[in-house]
C-alpha atoms as a PDB file:
ATOM      1  CA  MET A   1     189.104  97.248  17.020  1.00  0.00           C
ATOM      2  CA  PRO A   2     186.574  95.405  14.920  1.00  0.00           C
ATOM      3  CA  THR A   3     187.614  93.743  11.881  1.00  0.00           C
ATOM      4  CA  LEU A   4     186.145  95.479   8.739  1.00  0.00           C
ATOM      5  CA  LYS A   5     184.485  92.860   6.523  1.00  0.00           C
ATOM      6  CA  GLU A   6     182.658  94.983   3.942  1.00  0.00           C
ATOM      7  CA  CYS A   7     181.928  98.758   3.043  1.00  0.00           C
ATOM      8  CA  LYS A   8     178.509  99.916   3.222  1.00  0.00           C
ATOM      9  CA  MET A   9     179.204 103.794   3.841  1.00  0.00           C
ATOM     10  CA  PRO A  10     177.511 105.317   0.530  1.00  0.00           C
ATOM     11  CA  LYS A  11     179.967 106.260  -2.556  1.00  0.00           C
ATOM     12  CA  ILE A  12     179.638 109.927  -2.996  1.00  0.00           C
ATOM     13  CA  ASP A  13     181.361 111.386  -6.012  1.00  0.00           C
ATOM     14  CA  LEU A  14     183.067 114.896  -5.981  1.00  0.00           C
ATOM     15  CA  ASP A  15     181.980 115.798  -9.200  1.00  0.00           C
ATOM     16  CA  TYR A  16     182.473 119.684  -8.866  1.00  0.00           C
ATOM     17  CA  LYS A  17     183.957 121.443  -6.286  1.00  0.00           C
ATOM     18  CA  ALA A  18     181.601 123.935  -4.853  1.00  0.00           C
ATOM     19  CA  VAL A  19     184.667 126.404  -3.945  1.00  0.00           C
ATOM     20  CA  SER A  20     185.673 126.358  -7.487  1.00  0.00           C
ATOM     21  CA  ARG A  21     182.234 127.141  -8.786  1.00  0.00           C
ATOM     22  CA  TYR A  22     182.294 130.136  -5.782  1.00  0.00           C
ATOM     23  CA  TRP A  23     185.655 131.577  -7.188  1.00  0.00           C
ATOM     24  CA  GLY A  24     184.530 131.324 -10.822  1.00  0.00           C
ATOM     25  CA  ALA A  25     181.167 133.539  -9.763  1.00  0.00           C
ATOM     26  CA  ARG A  26     183.276 135.979  -7.764  1.00  0.00           C
ATOM     27  CA  ILE A  27     185.844 136.505 -10.678  1.00  0.00           C
ATOM     28  CA  ILE A  28     182.955 137.464 -12.898  1.00  0.00           C
ATOM     29  CA  GLY A  29     181.282 139.857 -10.161  1.00  0.00           C
ATOM     30  CA  ALA A  30     179.061 137.872  -7.863  1.00  0.00           C
ATOM     31  CA  ASP A  31     178.536 139.626  -4.610  1.00  0.00           C
ATOM     32  CA  ILE A  32     175.733 139.325  -2.442  1.00  0.00           C
ATOM     33  CA  GLY A  33     176.663 141.952   0.248  1.00  0.00           C
ATOM     34  CA  TYR A  34     177.651 142.098   3.582  1.00  0.00           C
ATOM     35  CA  PRO A  35     177.757 139.476   5.978  1.00  0.00           C
ATOM     36  CA  SER A  36     176.054 137.051   3.015  1.00  0.00           C
ATOM     37  CA  GLU A  37     179.338 136.809   1.101  1.00  0.00           C
ATOM     38  CA  MET A  38     181.325 135.996   4.301  1.00  0.00           C
ATOM     39  CA  TYR A  39     178.922 133.168   5.296  1.00  0.00           C
ATOM     40  CA  ARG A  40     178.750 131.914   1.865  1.00  0.00           C
ATOM     41  CA  ALA A  41     182.400 131.396   1.528  1.00  0.00           C
ATOM     42  CA  VAL A  42     182.828 129.951   5.143  1.00  0.00           C
ATOM     43  CA  PHE A  43     179.913 127.364   4.417  1.00  0.00           C
ATOM     44  CA  ILE A  44     180.992 126.221   0.942  1.00  0.00           C
ATOM     45  CA  ARG A  45     184.737 125.864   1.901  1.00  0.00           C
ATOM     46  CA  LEU A  46     183.404 123.625   5.148  1.00  0.00           C
ATOM     47  CA  VAL A  47     180.877 121.490   2.687  1.00  0.00           C
ATOM     48  CA  ASP A  48     183.601 120.845   0.222  1.00  0.00           C
ATOM     49  CA  LYS A  49     186.100 120.044   3.154  1.00  0.00           C
ATOM     50  CA  ALA A  50     183.711 117.437   4.958  1.00  0.00           C
ATOM     51  CA  LEU A  51     182.928 116.066   1.692  1.00  0.00           C
ATOM     52  CA  TYR A  52     186.408 115.567   1.014  1.00  0.00           C
ATOM     53  CA  GLU A  53     187.245 113.923   4.327  1.00  0.00           C
ATOM     54  CA  TYR A  54     184.420 111.359   3.940  1.00  0.00           C
ATOM     55  CA  ILE A  55     185.854 110.319   0.606  1.00  0.00           C
ATOM     56  CA  MET A  56     189.209 109.859   2.040  1.00  0.00           C
ATOM     57  CA  ALA A  57     187.716 108.129   5.065  1.00  0.00           C
ATOM     58  CA  ARG A  58     185.750 105.656   2.581  1.00  0.00           C
ATOM     59  CA  ASN A  59     188.589 105.110   0.966  1.00  0.00           C
ATOM     60  CA  ALA A  60     190.815 104.079   3.796  1.00  0.00           C
ATOM     61  CA  VAL A  61     187.717 101.759   4.999  1.00  0.00           C
ATOM     62  CA  LEU A  62     188.179  99.974   1.309  1.00  0.00           C
ATOM     63  CA  ALA A  63     191.813  99.903   1.549  1.00  0.00           C
ATOM     64  CA  GLN A  64     191.695  98.222   4.823  1.00  0.00           C
ATOM     65  CA  ILE A  65     189.335  95.593   3.536  1.00  0.00           C
ATOM     66  CA  GLU A  66     191.236  94.858   0.245  1.00  0.00           C
ATOM     67  CA  ARG A  67     194.486  95.088   2.625  1.00  0.00           C
ATOM     68  CA  LYS A  68     195.959  97.397   0.085  1.00  0.00           C
ATOM     69  CA  ASP A  69     199.083  99.747   0.706  1.00  0.00           C
ATOM     70  CA  ILE A  70     197.560 103.363  -0.191  1.00  0.00           C
ATOM     71  CA  SER A  71     200.908 104.978   0.893  1.00  0.00           C
ATOM     72  CA  HIS A  72     199.121 107.246   3.691  1.00  0.00           C
ATOM     73  CA  PRO A  73     201.588 108.951   5.895  1.00  0.00           C
ATOM     74  CA  LEU A  74     199.778 107.529   9.040  1.00  0.00           C
ATOM     75  CA  THR A  75     200.269 103.941   7.925  1.00  0.00           C
ATOM     76  CA  THR A  76     200.835 101.223  10.563  1.00  0.00           C
ATOM     77  CA  PHE A  77     201.976  97.692   9.673  1.00  0.00           C
ATOM     78  CA  ILE A  78     201.007  95.114  11.596  1.00  0.00           C
ATOM     79  CA  GLY A  79     202.372  91.806  10.426  1.00  0.00           C
ATOM     80  CA  GLY A  80     203.224  93.170   6.882  1.00  0.00           C
ATOM     81  CA  THR A  81     199.558  94.133   6.700  1.00  0.00           C
ATOM     82  CA  PRO A  82     198.419  97.735   6.307  1.00  0.00           C
ATOM     83  CA  PHE A  83     196.295  99.134   9.330  1.00  0.00           C
ATOM     84  CA  TYR A  84     194.106 102.200   8.724  1.00  0.00           C
ATOM     85  CA  HIS A  85     191.729 102.256  11.619  1.00  0.00           C
ATOM     86  CA  VAL A  86     193.586 105.444  12.774  1.00  0.00           C
ATOM     87  CA  VAL A  87     193.550 107.083   9.135  1.00  0.00           C
ATOM     88  CA  ILE A  88     189.760 106.246   9.051  1.00  0.00           C
ATOM     89  CA  GLY A  89     189.528 108.009  12.463  1.00  0.00           C
ATOM     90  CA  ASN A  90     190.999 110.788  11.694  1.00  0.00           C
ATOM     91  CA  HIS A  91     189.350 111.435   8.555  1.00  0.00           C
ATOM     92  CA  LEU A  92     185.859 110.767  10.153  1.00  0.00           C
ATOM     93  CA  GLU A  93     186.767 113.368  12.778  1.00  0.00           C
ATOM     94  CA  THR A  94     187.586 116.021  10.616  1.00  0.00           C
ATOM     95  CA  CYS A  95     184.536 115.429   8.462  1.00  0.00           C
ATOM     96  CA  ILE A  96     182.282 115.481  11.313  1.00  0.00           C
ATOM     97  CA  ASN A  97     183.990 118.720  12.537  1.00  0.00           C
ATOM     98  CA  ALA A  98     183.345 120.610   8.919  1.00  0.00           C
ATOM     99  CA  THR A  99     179.876 119.075   8.600  1.00  0.00           C
ATOM    100  CA  LYS A 100     178.830 120.354  12.236  1.00  0.00           C
ATOM    101  CA  ARG A 101     180.178 123.800  11.560  1.00  0.00           C
ATOM    102  CA  ALA A 102     178.295 123.896   8.191  1.00  0.00           C
ATOM    103  CA  LEU A 103     175.088 123.290   9.791  1.00  0.00           C
ATOM    104  CA  ASP A 104     175.947 126.039  12.632  1.00  0.00           C
ATOM    105  CA  ILE A 105     176.465 128.530   9.405  1.00  0.00           C
ATOM    106  CA  LEU A 106     173.442 127.096   7.641  1.00  0.00           C
ATOM    107  CA  HIS A 107     171.163 127.626  10.982  1.00  0.00           C
ATOM    108  CA  ARG A 108     173.046 131.329  11.015  1.00  0.00           C
ATOM    109  CA  MET A 109     172.026 132.329   7.493  1.00  0.00           C
ATOM    110  CA  LYS A 110     168.332 131.289   8.013  1.00  0.00           C
ATOM    111  CA  ARG A 111     168.241 133.404  11.102  1.00  0.00           C
ATOM    112  CA  ASP A 112     169.971 136.651   9.793  1.00  0.00           C
ATOM    113  CA  ARG A 113     167.698 139.074   8.125  1.00  0.00           C
ATOM    114  CA  ARG A 114     170.383 140.707   6.146  1.00  0.00           C
ATOM    115  CA  ILE A 115     170.641 137.580   4.340  1.00  0.00           C
ATOM    116  CA  PRO A 116     168.895 138.192   0.604  1.00  0.00           C
ATOM    117  CA  PHE A 117     167.482 134.958   0.232  1.00  0.00           C
ATOM    118  CA  PHE A 118     164.763 132.200   1.858  1.00  0.00           C
ATOM    119  CA  ILE A 119     166.363 128.860   2.362  1.00  0.00           C
ATOM    120  CA  ASP A 120     163.933 125.923   1.504  1.00  0.00           C
ATOM    121  CA  ARG A 121     162.234 124.690   4.381  1.00  0.00           C
ATOM    122  CA  THR A 122     162.006 121.180   3.115  1.00  0.00           C
ATOM    123  CA  PHE A 123     165.817 121.172   2.476  1.00  0.00           C
ATOM    124  CA  ARG A 124     166.616 122.623   5.901  1.00  0.00           C
ATOM    125  CA  LYS A 125     164.388 120.075   7.831  1.00  0.00           C
ATOM    126  CA  GLU A 126     166.092 117.370   5.970  1.00  0.00           C
ATOM    127  CA  VAL A 127     169.462 118.275   7.052  1.00  0.00           C
ATOM    128  CA  GLU A 128     168.812 120.201  10.716  1.00  0.00           C
ATOM    129  CA  ARG A 129     167.070 116.730  12.010  1.00  0.00           C
ATOM    130  CA  PHE A 130     170.494 115.087  12.052  1.00  0.00           C
ATOM    131  CA  PHE A 131     172.296 118.050  13.893  1.00  0.00           C
ATOM    132  CA  GLU A 132     171.837 117.039  17.250  1.00  0.00           C
ATOM    133  CA  GLU A 133     173.936 113.652  16.531  1.00  0.00           C
ATOM    134  CA  VAL A 134     176.456 115.266  14.589  1.00  0.00           C
ATOM    135  CA  LYS A 135     176.761 117.778  17.264  1.00  0.00           C
ATOM    136  CA  GLU A 136     177.371 115.012  20.232  1.00  0.00           C
ATOM    137  CA  MET A 137     179.613 113.197  18.189  1.00  0.00           C
ATOM    138  CA  ARG A 138     181.856 116.398  17.472  1.00  0.00           C
ATOM    139  CA  ASN A 139     181.513 117.388  20.958  1.00  0.00           C
ATOM    140  CA  ILE A 140     183.111 113.995  22.279  1.00  0.00           C
ATOM    141  CA  LEU A 141     185.633 113.812  19.715  1.00  0.00           C
ATOM    142  CA  GLU A 142     186.898 117.604  20.639  1.00  0.00           C
ATOM    143  CA  HIS A 143     186.416 116.996  24.454  1.00  0.00           C
ATOM    144  CA  ILE A 144     187.710 113.786  24.703  1.00  0.00           C
ATOM    145  CA  ASP A 145     190.652 114.776  27.335  1.00  0.00           C
ATOM    146  CA  GLU A 146     187.336 115.969  29.657  1.00  0.00           C
ATOM    147  CA  GLU A 147     185.806 112.735  29.079  1.00  0.00           C
ATOM    148  CA  ILE A 148     188.660 110.450  30.060  1.00  0.00           C
ATOM    149  CA  SER A 149     189.114 112.575  33.274  1.00  0.00           C
ATOM    150  CA  LYS A 150     185.878 112.714  34.531  1.00  0.00           C
ATOM    151  CA  GLY A 151     185.360 108.889  33.711  1.00  0.00           C
ATOM    152  CA  THR A 152     182.703 109.435  31.254  1.00  0.00           C
ATOM    153  CA  ILE A 153     184.048 106.710  29.167  1.00  0.00           C
ATOM    154  CA  LYS A 154     184.118 103.316  30.736  1.00  0.00           C
ATOM    155  CA  LYS A 155     186.169 100.258  30.180  1.00  0.00           C
ATOM    156  CA  GLY A 156     185.866  98.412  27.136  1.00  0.00           C
ATOM    157  CA  GLN A 157     184.284 101.495  25.312  1.00  0.00           C
ATOM    158  CA  ALA A 158     186.078 103.062  22.519  1.00  0.00           C
ATOM    159  CA  TYR A 159     188.206 105.912  23.233  1.00  0.00           C
ATOM    160  CA  LEU A 160     189.323 106.402  19.673  1.00  0.00           C
ATOM    161  CA  PRO A 161     186.645 106.629  16.547  1.00  0.00           C
ATOM    162  CA  ALA A 162     186.075 103.377  16.027  1.00  0.00           C
ATOM    163  CA  ILE A 163     184.375 101.904  12.893  1.00  0.00           C
ATOM    164  CA  ASN A 164     181.947  98.807  13.038  1.00  0.00           C
ATOM    165  CA  GLU A 165     182.442  95.968  10.283  1.00  0.00           C
ATOM    166  CA  ASP A 166     180.503  96.873   7.664  1.00  0.00           C
ATOM    167  CA  ALA A 167     181.374 100.609   7.952  1.00  0.00           C
ATOM    168  CA  THR A 168     177.957 101.879   8.732  1.00  0.00           C
ATOM    169  CA  GLU A 169     178.658 103.282  12.129  1.00  0.00           C
ATOM    170  CA  VAL A 170     181.552 105.228  13.851  1.00  0.00           C
ATOM    171  CA  GLU A 171     181.247 105.157  17.939  1.00  0.00           C
ATOM    172  CA  ILE A 172     183.355 106.742  20.871  1.00  0.00           C
ATOM    173  CA  GLY A 173     182.436 106.197  24.340  1.00  0.00           C
ATOM    174  CA  ASP A 174     178.598 105.915  24.261  1.00  0.00           C
ATOM    175  CA  GLN A 175     178.303 107.938  21.228  1.00  0.00           C
ATOM    176  CA  LYS A 176     177.244 106.413  17.912  1.00  0.00           C
ATOM    177  CA  LEU A 177     177.172 108.140  14.463  1.00  0.00           C
ATOM    178  CA  ASP A 178     175.208 106.656  11.603  1.00  0.00           C
ATOM    179  CA  LEU A 179     177.785 106.900   8.713  1.00  0.00           C
ATOM    180  CA  ILE A 180     174.605 106.285   5.939  1.00  0.00           C
ATOM    181  CA  SER A 181     172.768 109.254   7.216  1.00  0.00           C
ATOM    182  CA  LEU A 182     175.829 111.515   7.320  1.00  0.00           C
ATOM    183  CA  ALA A 183     176.583 110.922   3.646  1.00  0.00           C
ATOM    184  CA  LYS A 184     172.918 111.731   3.054  1.00  0.00           C
ATOM    185  CA  VAL A 185     173.365 115.134   4.746  1.00  0.00           C
ATOM    186  CA  ILE A 186     176.579 115.890   3.143  1.00  0.00           C
ATOM    187  CA  SER A 187     175.265 115.257   0.057  1.00  0.00           C
ATOM    188  CA  LYS A 188     172.250 117.389   0.057  1.00  0.00           C
ATOM    189  CA  LEU A 189     174.751 120.219   2.002  1.00  0.00           C
ATOM    190  CA  HIS A 190     176.996 119.777  -1.082  1.00  0.00           C
ATOM    191  CA  GLU A 191     174.183 120.170  -3.495  1.00  0.00           C
ATOM    192  CA  PHE A 192     172.964 123.410  -1.674  1.00  0.00           C
ATOM    193  CA  ALA A 193     176.366 124.859  -1.698  1.00  0.00           C
ATOM    194  CA  LEU A 194     176.621 124.213  -5.466  1.00  0.00           C
ATOM    195  CA  GLU A 195     173.676 126.430  -5.624  1.00  0.00           C
ATOM    196  CA  LEU A 196     174.742 128.873  -3.507  1.00  0.00           C
ATOM    197  CA  ALA A 197     178.074 129.226  -5.089  1.00  0.00           C
ATOM    198  CA  SER A 198     176.715 130.462  -8.338  1.00  0.00           C
ATOM    199  CA  TYR A 199     173.786 132.707  -6.790  1.00  0.00           C
ATOM    200  CA  GLU A 200     173.495 136.190  -8.267  1.00  0.00           C
ATOM    201  CA  ALA A 201     176.348 135.283 -10.655  1.00  0.00           C
ATOM    202  CA  PRO A 202     175.906 137.472 -14.053  1.00  0.00           C
ATOM    203  CA  GLY A 203     174.425 135.173 -16.456  1.00  0.00           C
ATOM    204  CA  ALA A 204     173.522 132.198 -14.213  1.00  0.00           C
ATOM    205  CA  GLU A 205     169.754 132.910 -14.279  1.00  0.00           C
ATOM    206  CA  LYS A 206     170.093 131.369 -18.001  1.00  0.00           C
ATOM    207  CA  TRP A 207     171.081 128.128 -16.476  1.00  0.00           C
ATOM    208  CA  LEU A 208     170.675 127.888 -12.749  1.00  0.00           C
ATOM    209  CA  PHE A 209     167.052 126.715 -11.753  1.00  0.00           C
ATOM    210  CA  PRO A 210     166.999 127.312  -8.027  1.00  0.00           C
ATOM    211  CA  LYS A 211     165.828 124.699  -5.753  1.00  0.00           C
ATOM    212  CA  PHE A 212     167.411 125.518  -2.402  1.00  0.00           C
ATOM    213  CA  ILE A 213     167.347 129.325  -2.652  1.00  0.00           C
ATOM    214  CA  HIS A 214     164.312 131.908  -2.905  1.00  0.00           C
ATOM    215  CA  PRO A 215     165.191 135.599  -3.203  1.00  0.00           C
ATOM    216  CA  LYS A 216     163.553 137.803  -1.012  1.00  0.00           C
ATOM    217  CA  GLU A 217     161.508 140.590  -2.420  1.00  0.00           C
ATOM    218  CA  LYS A 218     163.639 143.822  -2.449  1.00  0.00           C
ATOM    219  CA  LYS A 219     161.996 146.883  -0.652  1.00  0.00           C
END
């Protein structure tokens, strides 16, 4: 495990949970029909989850650098110093999994003709170009037992999610994922999720200025 020397993982502030905005909109009557409402709810939950796990991973990185005890249930002490590498890896694994699933749903919403709106093409391209890297990392994390059994992971390679010394990259086996790019994708997905959460909420047209969502013409 490399010694963490600094944290270059971008800070992302969770100013407002998309899921809170979603349930607020639902309570006052927002409903975009079947199956759009299902897509919307699952997507928003996953994006909030990905963002939360990213923040928790970054907090653990900072705690490791500062050698600060954050009383995490998985904290290990080595020579009296807290060791958070497992905690960091766990949060990043969950973050990557949730991000990949959110991107899957975004792709399905884009292709499903029953969705009552178009998703901005520039936004889609910006986040989808990172999909393959997220998918490859998620797959090796999910199927690590198979990779070990097949001998894919060589001696000397990381077999647990390992973060580099400046916290810009996580790797396992021969797969690496840039954490700065991951942060940008999660931020964009969360921005879209906030807009999606309020879509068709009664009165939202007075304050919501759509950036990512373009309603289809009703026939």
